[in-house]
Amino acid sequence: VILTGGNLGRSDGGLLGPLTMDAVRRFKVDYAV
């Protein structure tokens, strides 16, 4: 399990922001859901 990092949304447990976007672009995954 790899967490992207980013700004934490306390209400939904989501990580967002520039750090998240940078982390996503480091991967090329087989499937996105």
Full PDB file with SEQRES, HELIX, SHEET, SSBOND, CRYST1, ORIGX, SCALE, CONECT and MASTER records, all heavy atoms in Angstrom:
SEQRES   1 A   33  VAL ILE LEU THR GLY GLY ASN LEU GLY ARG SER ASP GLY          
SEQRES   2 A   33  GLY LEU LEU GLY PRO LEU THR MET ASP ALA VAL ARG ARG          
SEQRES   3 A   33  PHE LYS VAL ASP TYR ALA VAL                                  
HELIX    1 AA1 PRO A   18  VAL A   24  1                                   7    
SHEET    1 AA1 2 ASN A   7  GLY A   9  0                                        
SHEET    2 AA1 2 GLY A  14  LEU A  16 -1                                        
CRYST1    1.000    1.000    1.000  90.00  90.00  90.00 P 1           1          
ORIGX1      1.000000  0.000000  0.000000        0.00000                         
ORIGX2      0.000000  1.000000  0.000000        0.00000                         
ORIGX3      0.000000  0.000000  1.000000        0.00000                         
SCALE1      1.000000  0.000000  0.000000        0.00000                         
SCALE2      0.000000  1.000000  0.000000        0.00000                         
SCALE3      0.000000  0.000000  1.000000        0.00000                         
ATOM      1  N   VAL A   1       0.845  -1.192   0.000  1.00  0.00           N  
ATOM      2  CA  VAL A   1       0.000   0.000   0.000  1.00  0.00           C  
ATOM      3  C   VAL A   1       0.879   1.240   0.000  1.00  0.00           C  
ATOM      4  O   VAL A   1       1.762   1.393   0.854  1.00  0.00           O  
ATOM      5  CB  VAL A   1      -0.939   0.027   1.224  1.00  0.00           C  
ATOM      6  CG1 VAL A   1      -1.841   1.266   1.180  1.00  0.00           C  
ATOM      7  CG2 VAL A   1      -1.776  -1.240   1.289  1.00  0.00           C  
ATOM      8  N   ILE A   2       0.644   2.124  -0.959  1.00  0.00           N  
ATOM      9  CA  ILE A   2       1.418   3.362  -1.071  1.00  0.00           C  
ATOM     10  C   ILE A   2       0.467   4.554  -0.984  1.00  0.00           C  
ATOM     11  O   ILE A   2      -0.467   4.671  -1.781  1.00  0.00           O  
ATOM     12  CB  ILE A   2       2.183   3.416  -2.403  1.00  0.00           C  
ATOM     13  CG1 ILE A   2       3.161   2.238  -2.498  1.00  0.00           C  
ATOM     14  CG2 ILE A   2       2.915   4.740  -2.554  1.00  0.00           C  
ATOM     15  CD1 ILE A   2       3.836   2.111  -3.850  1.00  0.00           C  
ATOM     16  N   LEU A   3       0.695   5.430   0.006  1.00  0.00           N  
ATOM     17  CA  LEU A   3      -0.074   6.661   0.128  1.00  0.00           C  
ATOM     18  C   LEU A   3       0.642   7.782  -0.615  1.00  0.00           C  
ATOM     19  O   LEU A   3       1.868   7.905  -0.532  1.00  0.00           O  
ATOM     20  CB  LEU A   3      -0.239   7.035   1.599  1.00  0.00           C  
ATOM     21  CG  LEU A   3      -1.391   6.394   2.351  1.00  0.00           C  
ATOM     22  CD1 LEU A   3      -1.243   6.634   3.859  1.00  0.00           C  
ATOM     23  CD2 LEU A   3      -2.729   6.954   1.879  1.00  0.00           C  
ATOM     24  N   THR A   4      -0.142   8.588  -1.309  1.00  0.00           N  
ATOM     25  CA  THR A   4       0.476   9.643  -2.118  1.00  0.00           C  
ATOM     26  C   THR A   4       1.064  10.768  -1.298  1.00  0.00           C  
ATOM     27  O   THR A   4       1.979  11.454  -1.741  1.00  0.00           O  
ATOM     28  CB  THR A   4      -0.569  10.265  -3.053  1.00  0.00           C  
ATOM     29  OG1 THR A   4      -1.621  10.841  -2.265  1.00  0.00           O  
ATOM     30  CG2 THR A   4      -1.132   9.241  -4.017  1.00  0.00           C  
ATOM     31  N   GLY A   5       0.529  11.020  -0.111  1.00  0.00           N  
ATOM     32  CA  GLY A   5       0.862  12.249   0.589  1.00  0.00           C  
ATOM     33  C   GLY A   5      -0.002  13.395   0.077  1.00  0.00           C  
ATOM     34  O   GLY A   5      -0.733  13.246  -0.911  1.00  0.00           O  
ATOM     35  N   GLY A   6       0.071  14.524   0.740  1.00  0.00           N  
ATOM     36  CA  GLY A   6      -0.722  15.679   0.355  1.00  0.00           C  
ATOM     37  C   GLY A   6      -1.438  16.271   1.543  1.00  0.00           C  
ATOM     38  O   GLY A   6      -1.234  15.859   2.687  1.00  0.00           O  
ATOM     39  N   ASN A   7      -2.286  17.259   1.281  1.00  0.00           N  
ATOM     40  CA  ASN A   7      -3.052  17.913   2.345  1.00  0.00           C  
ATOM     41  C   ASN A   7      -4.226  17.027   2.747  1.00  0.00           C  
ATOM     42  O   ASN A   7      -5.019  16.631   1.902  1.00  0.00           O  
ATOM     43  CB  ASN A   7      -3.578  19.271   1.869  1.00  0.00           C  
ATOM     44  CG  ASN A   7      -2.458  20.227   1.523  1.00  0.00           C  
ATOM     45  OD1 ASN A   7      -1.380  20.166   2.102  1.00  0.00           O  
ATOM     46  ND2 ASN A   7      -2.713  21.112   0.587  1.00  0.00           N  
ATOM     47  N   LEU A   8      -4.345  16.757   4.046  1.00  0.00           N  
ATOM     48  CA  LEU A   8      -5.351  15.833   4.538  1.00  0.00           C  
ATOM     49  C   LEU A   8      -6.701  16.521   4.723  1.00  0.00           C  
ATOM     50  O   LEU A   8      -6.803  17.547   5.400  1.00  0.00           O  
ATOM     51  CB  LEU A   8      -4.907  15.227   5.874  1.00  0.00           C  
ATOM     52  CG  LEU A   8      -5.923  14.332   6.592  1.00  0.00           C  
ATOM     53  CD1 LEU A   8      -6.236  13.098   5.765  1.00  0.00           C  
ATOM     54  CD2 LEU A   8      -5.393  13.939   7.973  1.00  0.00           C  
ATOM     55  N   GLY A   9      -7.735  15.936   4.110  1.00  0.00           N  
ATOM     56  CA  GLY A   9      -9.102  16.359   4.381  1.00  0.00           C  
ATOM     57  C   GLY A   9      -9.642  15.536   5.530  1.00  0.00           C  
ATOM     58  O   GLY A   9      -9.860  14.333   5.389  1.00  0.00           O  
ATOM     59  N   ARG A  10      -9.842  16.156   6.678  1.00  0.00           N  
ATOM     60  CA  ARG A  10     -10.219  15.397   7.879  1.00  0.00           C  
ATOM     61  C   ARG A  10     -11.600  14.761   7.760  1.00  0.00           C  
ATOM     62  O   ARG A  10     -11.883  13.747   8.388  1.00  0.00           O  
ATOM     63  CB  ARG A  10     -10.161  16.310   9.105  1.00  0.00           C  
ATOM     64  CG  ARG A  10      -8.738  16.667   9.532  1.00  0.00           C  
ATOM     65  CD  ARG A  10      -8.728  17.573  10.758  1.00  0.00           C  
ATOM     66  NE  ARG A  10      -7.382  17.756  11.272  1.00  0.00           N  
ATOM     67  CZ  ARG A  10      -6.510  18.618  10.789  1.00  0.00           C  
ATOM     68  NH1 ARG A  10      -6.857  19.387   9.750  1.00  0.00           N  
ATOM     69  NH2 ARG A  10      -5.301  18.733  11.298  1.00  0.00           N  
ATOM     70  N   SER A  11     -12.466  15.346   6.973  1.00  0.00           N  
ATOM     71  CA  SER A  11     -13.833  14.823   6.896  1.00  0.00           C  
ATOM     72  C   SER A  11     -13.917  13.518   6.114  1.00  0.00           C  
ATOM     73  O   SER A  11     -14.764  12.667   6.399  1.00  0.00           O  
ATOM     74  CB  SER A  11     -14.768  15.860   6.268  1.00  0.00           C  
ATOM     75  OG  SER A  11     -14.392  16.115   4.925  1.00  0.00           O  
ATOM     76  N   ASP A  12     -13.032  13.346   5.109  1.00  0.00           N  
ATOM     77  CA  ASP A  12     -13.144  12.161   4.249  1.00  0.00           C  
ATOM     78  C   ASP A  12     -11.866  11.342   4.141  1.00  0.00           C  
ATOM     79  O   ASP A  12     -11.845  10.329   3.450  1.00  0.00           O  
ATOM     80  CB  ASP A  12     -13.604  12.569   2.845  1.00  0.00           C  
ATOM     81  CG  ASP A  12     -12.637  13.522   2.145  1.00  0.00           C  
ATOM     82  OD1 ASP A  12     -11.543  13.782   2.687  1.00  0.00           O  
ATOM     83  OD2 ASP A  12     -12.984  14.005   1.056  1.00  0.00           O  
ATOM     84  N   GLY A  13     -10.809  11.750   4.838  1.00  0.00           N  
ATOM     85  CA  GLY A  13      -9.562  10.991   4.773  1.00  0.00           C  
ATOM     86  C   GLY A  13      -8.842  11.114   3.457  1.00  0.00           C  
ATOM     87  O   GLY A  13      -7.929  10.330   3.161  1.00  0.00           O  
ATOM     88  N   GLY A  14      -9.221  12.098   2.639  1.00  0.00           N  
ATOM     89  CA  GLY A  14      -8.598  12.274   1.337  1.00  0.00           C  
ATOM     90  C   GLY A  14      -7.349  13.128   1.397  1.00  0.00           C  
ATOM     91  O   GLY A  14      -7.214  14.026   2.236  1.00  0.00           O  
ATOM     92  N   LEU A  15      -6.410  12.844   0.502  1.00  0.00           N  
ATOM     93  CA  LEU A  15      -5.175  13.613   0.366  1.00  0.00           C  
ATOM     94  C   LEU A  15      -5.211  14.343  -0.968  1.00  0.00           C  
ATOM     95  O   LEU A  15      -5.413  13.731  -2.018  1.00  0.00           O  
ATOM     96  CB  LEU A  15      -3.959  12.690   0.445  1.00  0.00           C  
ATOM     97  CG  LEU A  15      -3.798  11.954   1.786  1.00  0.00           C  
ATOM     98  CD1 LEU A  15      -2.823  10.797   1.640  1.00  0.00           C  
ATOM     99  CD2 LEU A  15      -3.330  12.907   2.871  1.00  0.00           C  
ATOM    100  N   LEU A  16      -5.002  15.668  -0.932  1.00  0.00           N  
ATOM    101  CA  LEU A  16      -5.109  16.492  -2.124  1.00  0.00           C  
ATOM    102  C   LEU A  16      -3.997  17.522  -2.162  1.00  0.00           C  
ATOM    103  O   LEU A  16      -3.266  17.699  -1.204  1.00  0.00           O  
ATOM    104  CB  LEU A  16      -6.474  17.212  -2.151  1.00  0.00           C  
ATOM    105  CG  LEU A  16      -7.729  16.337  -2.231  1.00  0.00           C  
ATOM    106  CD1 LEU A  16      -8.974  17.192  -2.048  1.00  0.00           C  
ATOM    107  CD2 LEU A  16      -7.780  15.592  -3.551  1.00  0.00           C  
ATOM    108  N   GLY A  17      -3.887  18.204  -3.290  1.00  0.00           N  
ATOM    109  CA  GLY A  17      -2.921  19.283  -3.419  1.00  0.00           C  
ATOM    110  C   GLY A  17      -1.742  18.930  -4.304  1.00  0.00           C  
ATOM    111  O   GLY A  17      -1.668  17.841  -4.886  1.00  0.00           O  
ATOM    112  N   PRO A  18      -0.768  19.845  -4.427  1.00  0.00           N  
ATOM    113  CA  PRO A  18       0.380  19.653  -5.320  1.00  0.00           C  
ATOM    114  C   PRO A  18       1.189  18.392  -5.028  1.00  0.00           C  
ATOM    115  O   PRO A  18       1.645  17.713  -5.957  1.00  0.00           O  
ATOM    116  CB  PRO A  18       1.218  20.915  -5.090  1.00  0.00           C  
ATOM    117  CG  PRO A  18       0.240  21.943  -4.602  1.00  0.00           C  
ATOM    118  CD  PRO A  18      -0.768  21.189  -3.799  1.00  0.00           C  
ATOM    119  N   LEU A  19       1.389  18.068  -3.752  1.00  0.00           N  
ATOM    120  CA  LEU A  19       2.148  16.855  -3.419  1.00  0.00           C  
ATOM    121  C   LEU A  19       1.444  15.609  -3.943  1.00  0.00           C  
ATOM    122  O   LEU A  19       2.092  14.676  -4.437  1.00  0.00           O  
ATOM    123  CB  LEU A  19       2.334  16.745  -1.901  1.00  0.00           C  
ATOM    124  CG  LEU A  19       3.338  17.688  -1.248  1.00  0.00           C  
ATOM    125  CD1 LEU A  19       3.289  17.545   0.266  1.00  0.00           C  
ATOM    126  CD2 LEU A  19       4.748  17.410  -1.761  1.00  0.00           C  
ATOM    127  N   THR A  20       0.128  15.600  -3.841  1.00  0.00           N  
ATOM    128  CA  THR A  20      -0.649  14.463  -4.335  1.00  0.00           C  
ATOM    129  C   THR A  20      -0.507  14.332  -5.845  1.00  0.00           C  
ATOM    130  O   THR A  20      -0.281  13.228  -6.372  1.00  0.00           O  
ATOM    131  CB  THR A  20      -2.133  14.635  -3.969  1.00  0.00           C  
ATOM    132  OG1 THR A  20      -2.253  14.909  -2.571  1.00  0.00           O  
ATOM    133  CG2 THR A  20      -2.926  13.386  -4.314  1.00  0.00           C  
ATOM    134  N   MET A  21      -0.651  15.446  -6.549  1.00  0.00           N  
ATOM    135  CA  MET A  21      -0.536  15.428  -8.010  1.00  0.00           C  
ATOM    136  C   MET A  21       0.844  14.942  -8.451  1.00  0.00           C  
ATOM    137  O   MET A  21       0.960  14.125  -9.378  1.00  0.00           O  
ATOM    138  CB  MET A  21      -0.816  16.825  -8.567  1.00  0.00           C  
ATOM    139  CG  MET A  21      -2.210  17.351  -8.278  1.00  0.00           C  
ATOM    140  SD  MET A  21      -3.475  16.484  -9.204  1.00  0.00           S  
ATOM    141  CE  MET A  21      -3.231  17.209 -10.818  1.00  0.00           C  
ATOM    142  N   ASP A  22       1.890  15.440  -7.780  1.00  0.00           N  
ATOM    143  CA  ASP A  22       3.255  15.009  -8.122  1.00  0.00           C  
ATOM    144  C   ASP A  22       3.417  13.509  -7.916  1.00  0.00           C  
ATOM    145  O   ASP A  22       4.036  12.820  -8.742  1.00  0.00           O  
ATOM    146  CB  ASP A  22       4.278  15.758  -7.263  1.00  0.00           C  
ATOM    147  CG  ASP A  22       4.406  17.225  -7.658  1.00  0.00           C  
ATOM    148  OD1 ASP A  22       3.937  17.589  -8.753  1.00  0.00           O  
ATOM    149  OD2 ASP A  22       4.972  17.994  -6.865  1.00  0.00           O  
ATOM    150  N   ALA A  23       2.865  13.003  -6.809  1.00  0.00           N  
ATOM    151  CA  ALA A  23       2.995  11.570  -6.510  1.00  0.00           C  
ATOM    152  C   ALA A  23       2.273  10.726  -7.550  1.00  0.00           C  
ATOM    153  O   ALA A  23       2.790   9.702  -8.011  1.00  0.00           O  
ATOM    154  CB  ALA A  23       2.458  11.275  -5.116  1.00  0.00           C  
ATOM    155  N   VAL A  24       1.057  11.144  -7.929  1.00  0.00           N  
ATOM    156  CA  VAL A  24       0.283  10.375  -8.915  1.00  0.00           C  
ATOM    157  C   VAL A  24       1.065  10.242 -10.217  1.00  0.00           C  
ATOM    158  O   VAL A  24       1.097   9.173 -10.842  1.00  0.00           O  
ATOM    159  CB  VAL A  24      -1.081  11.051  -9.164  1.00  0.00           C  
ATOM    160  CG1 VAL A  24      -1.780  10.423 -10.364  1.00  0.00           C  
ATOM    161  CG2 VAL A  24      -1.969  10.955  -7.928  1.00  0.00           C  
ATOM    162  N   ARG A  25       1.715  11.302 -10.639  1.00  0.00           N  
ATOM    163  CA  ARG A  25       2.422  11.312 -11.928  1.00  0.00           C  
ATOM    164  C   ARG A  25       3.686  10.456 -11.916  1.00  0.00           C  
ATOM    165  O   ARG A  25       4.276  10.205 -12.963  1.00  0.00           O  
ATOM    166  CB  ARG A  25       2.763  12.745 -12.316  1.00  0.00           C  
ATOM    167  CG  ARG A  25       1.516  13.594 -12.589  1.00  0.00           C  
ATOM    168  CD  ARG A  25       1.872  14.935 -13.192  1.00  0.00           C  
ATOM    169  NE  ARG A  25       0.693  15.765 -13.358  1.00  0.00           N  
ATOM    170  CZ  ARG A  25       0.394  16.833 -12.610  1.00  0.00           C  
ATOM    171  NH1 ARG A  25       1.230  17.200 -11.637  1.00  0.00           N  
ATOM    172  NH2 ARG A  25      -0.696  17.527 -12.828  1.00  0.00           N  
ATOM    173  N   ARG A  26       4.088   9.976 -10.751  1.00  0.00           N  
ATOM    174  CA  ARG A  26       5.257   9.093 -10.666  1.00  0.00           C  
ATOM    175  C   ARG A  26       4.905   7.644 -11.036  1.00  0.00           C  
ATOM    176  O   ARG A  26       5.792   6.820 -11.182  1.00  0.00           O  
ATOM    177  CB  ARG A  26       5.849   9.118  -9.247  1.00  0.00           C  
ATOM    178  CG  ARG A  26       6.513  10.430  -8.873  1.00  0.00           C  
ATOM    179  CD  ARG A  26       6.960  10.409  -7.423  1.00  0.00           C  
ATOM    180  NE  ARG A  26       7.600  11.650  -7.056  1.00  0.00           N  
ATOM    181  CZ  ARG A  26       8.909  11.890  -7.119  1.00  0.00           C  
ATOM    182  NH1 ARG A  26       9.708  10.928  -7.548  1.00  0.00           N  
ATOM    183  NH2 ARG A  26       9.405  13.049  -6.763  1.00  0.00           N  
ATOM    184  N   PHE A  27       3.628   7.346 -11.143  1.00  0.00           N  
ATOM    185  CA  PHE A  27       3.189   5.967 -11.364  1.00  0.00           C  
ATOM    186  C   PHE A  27       2.550   5.797 -12.735  1.00  0.00           C  
ATOM    187  O   PHE A  27       2.041   6.732 -13.336  1.00  0.00           O  
ATOM    188  CB  PHE A  27       2.174   5.555 -10.286  1.00  0.00           C  
ATOM    189  CG  PHE A  27       2.762   5.474  -8.910  1.00  0.00           C  
ATOM    190  CD1 PHE A  27       2.751   6.582  -8.071  1.00  0.00           C  
ATOM    191  CD2 PHE A  27       3.351   4.302  -8.453  1.00  0.00           C  
ATOM    192  CE1 PHE A  27       3.313   6.521  -6.805  1.00  0.00           C  
ATOM    193  CE2 PHE A  27       3.910   4.226  -7.199  1.00  0.00           C  
ATOM    194  CZ  PHE A  27       3.895   5.337  -6.367  1.00  0.00           C  
ATOM    195  N   LYS A  28       2.610   4.561 -13.223  1.00  0.00           N  
ATOM    196  CA  LYS A  28       1.837   4.121 -14.384  1.00  0.00           C  
ATOM    197  C   LYS A  28       1.222   2.793 -13.971  1.00  0.00           C  
ATOM    198  O   LYS A  28       1.870   1.739 -14.049  1.00  0.00           O  
ATOM    199  CB  LYS A  28       2.737   3.957 -15.616  1.00  0.00           C  
ATOM    200  CG  LYS A  28       1.948   3.670 -16.893  1.00  0.00           C  
ATOM    201  CD  LYS A  28       1.201   4.908 -17.383  1.00  0.00           C  
ATOM    202  CE  LYS A  28       0.534   4.653 -18.713  1.00  0.00           C  
ATOM    203  NZ  LYS A  28      -0.132   5.859 -19.238  1.00  0.00           N  
ATOM    204  N   VAL A  29      -0.022   2.829 -13.502  1.00  0.00           N  
ATOM    205  CA  VAL A  29      -0.624   1.642 -12.907  1.00  0.00           C  
ATOM    206  C   VAL A  29      -1.423   0.860 -13.954  1.00  0.00           C  
ATOM    207  O   VAL A  29      -1.810   1.389 -14.998  1.00  0.00           O  
ATOM    208  CB  VAL A  29      -1.530   2.004 -11.717  1.00  0.00           C  
ATOM    209  CG1 VAL A  29      -0.719   2.645 -10.599  1.00  0.00           C  
ATOM    210  CG2 VAL A  29      -2.675   2.904 -12.146  1.00  0.00           C  
ATOM    211  N   ASP A  30      -1.676  -0.406 -13.630  1.00  0.00           N  
ATOM    212  CA  ASP A  30      -2.465  -1.245 -14.535  1.00  0.00           C  
ATOM    213  C   ASP A  30      -3.936  -0.829 -14.550  1.00  0.00           C  
ATOM    214  O   ASP A  30      -4.571  -0.792 -15.610  1.00  0.00           O  
ATOM    215  CB  ASP A  30      -2.356  -2.713 -14.114  1.00  0.00           C  
ATOM    216  CG  ASP A  30      -0.928  -3.231 -14.212  1.00  0.00           C  
ATOM    217  OD1 ASP A  30      -0.284  -2.983 -15.253  1.00  0.00           O  
ATOM    218  OD2 ASP A  30      -0.452  -3.863 -13.249  1.00  0.00           O  
ATOM    219  N   TYR A  31      -4.473  -0.542 -13.357  1.00  0.00           N  
ATOM    220  CA  TYR A  31      -5.895  -0.216 -13.247  1.00  0.00           C  
ATOM    221  C   TYR A  31      -6.092   0.997 -12.338  1.00  0.00           C  
ATOM    222  O   TYR A  31      -5.416   1.123 -11.309  1.00  0.00           O  
ATOM    223  CB  TYR A  31      -6.688  -1.389 -12.654  1.00  0.00           C  
ATOM    224  CG  TYR A  31      -6.625  -2.647 -13.477  1.00  0.00           C  
ATOM    225  CD1 TYR A  31      -5.633  -3.608 -13.235  1.00  0.00           C  
ATOM    226  CD2 TYR A  31      -7.550  -2.890 -14.492  1.00  0.00           C  
ATOM    227  CE1 TYR A  31      -5.564  -4.769 -13.988  1.00  0.00           C  
ATOM    228  CE2 TYR A  31      -7.479  -4.052 -15.258  1.00  0.00           C  
ATOM    229  CZ  TYR A  31      -6.490  -4.975 -14.997  1.00  0.00           C  
ATOM    230  OH  TYR A  31      -6.415  -6.119 -15.748  1.00  0.00           O  
ATOM    231  N   ALA A  32      -7.022   1.852 -12.709  1.00  0.00           N  
ATOM    232  CA  ALA A  32      -7.487   2.915 -11.826  1.00  0.00           C  
ATOM    233  C   ALA A  32      -8.965   2.685 -11.573  1.00  0.00           C  
ATOM    234  O   ALA A  32      -9.730   2.398 -12.493  1.00  0.00           O  
ATOM    235  CB  ALA A  32      -7.274   4.282 -12.452  1.00  0.00           C  
ATOM    236  N   VAL A  33      -9.371   2.803 -10.313  1.00  0.00           N  
ATOM    237  CA  VAL A  33     -10.786   2.714  -9.953  1.00  0.00           C  
ATOM    238  C   VAL A  33     -11.166   4.030  -9.302  1.00  0.00           C  
ATOM    239  O   VAL A  33     -10.606   4.409  -8.269  1.00  0.00           O  
ATOM    240  CB  VAL A  33     -11.060   1.546  -8.984  1.00  0.00           C  
ATOM    241  CG1 VAL A  33     -12.553   1.472  -8.670  1.00  0.00           C  
ATOM    242  CG2 VAL A  33     -10.570   0.229  -9.577  1.00  0.00           C  
TER     243      VAL A  33                                                      
MASTER        0    0    0    1    2    0    0    6  242    1    0    3          
END                                                                             
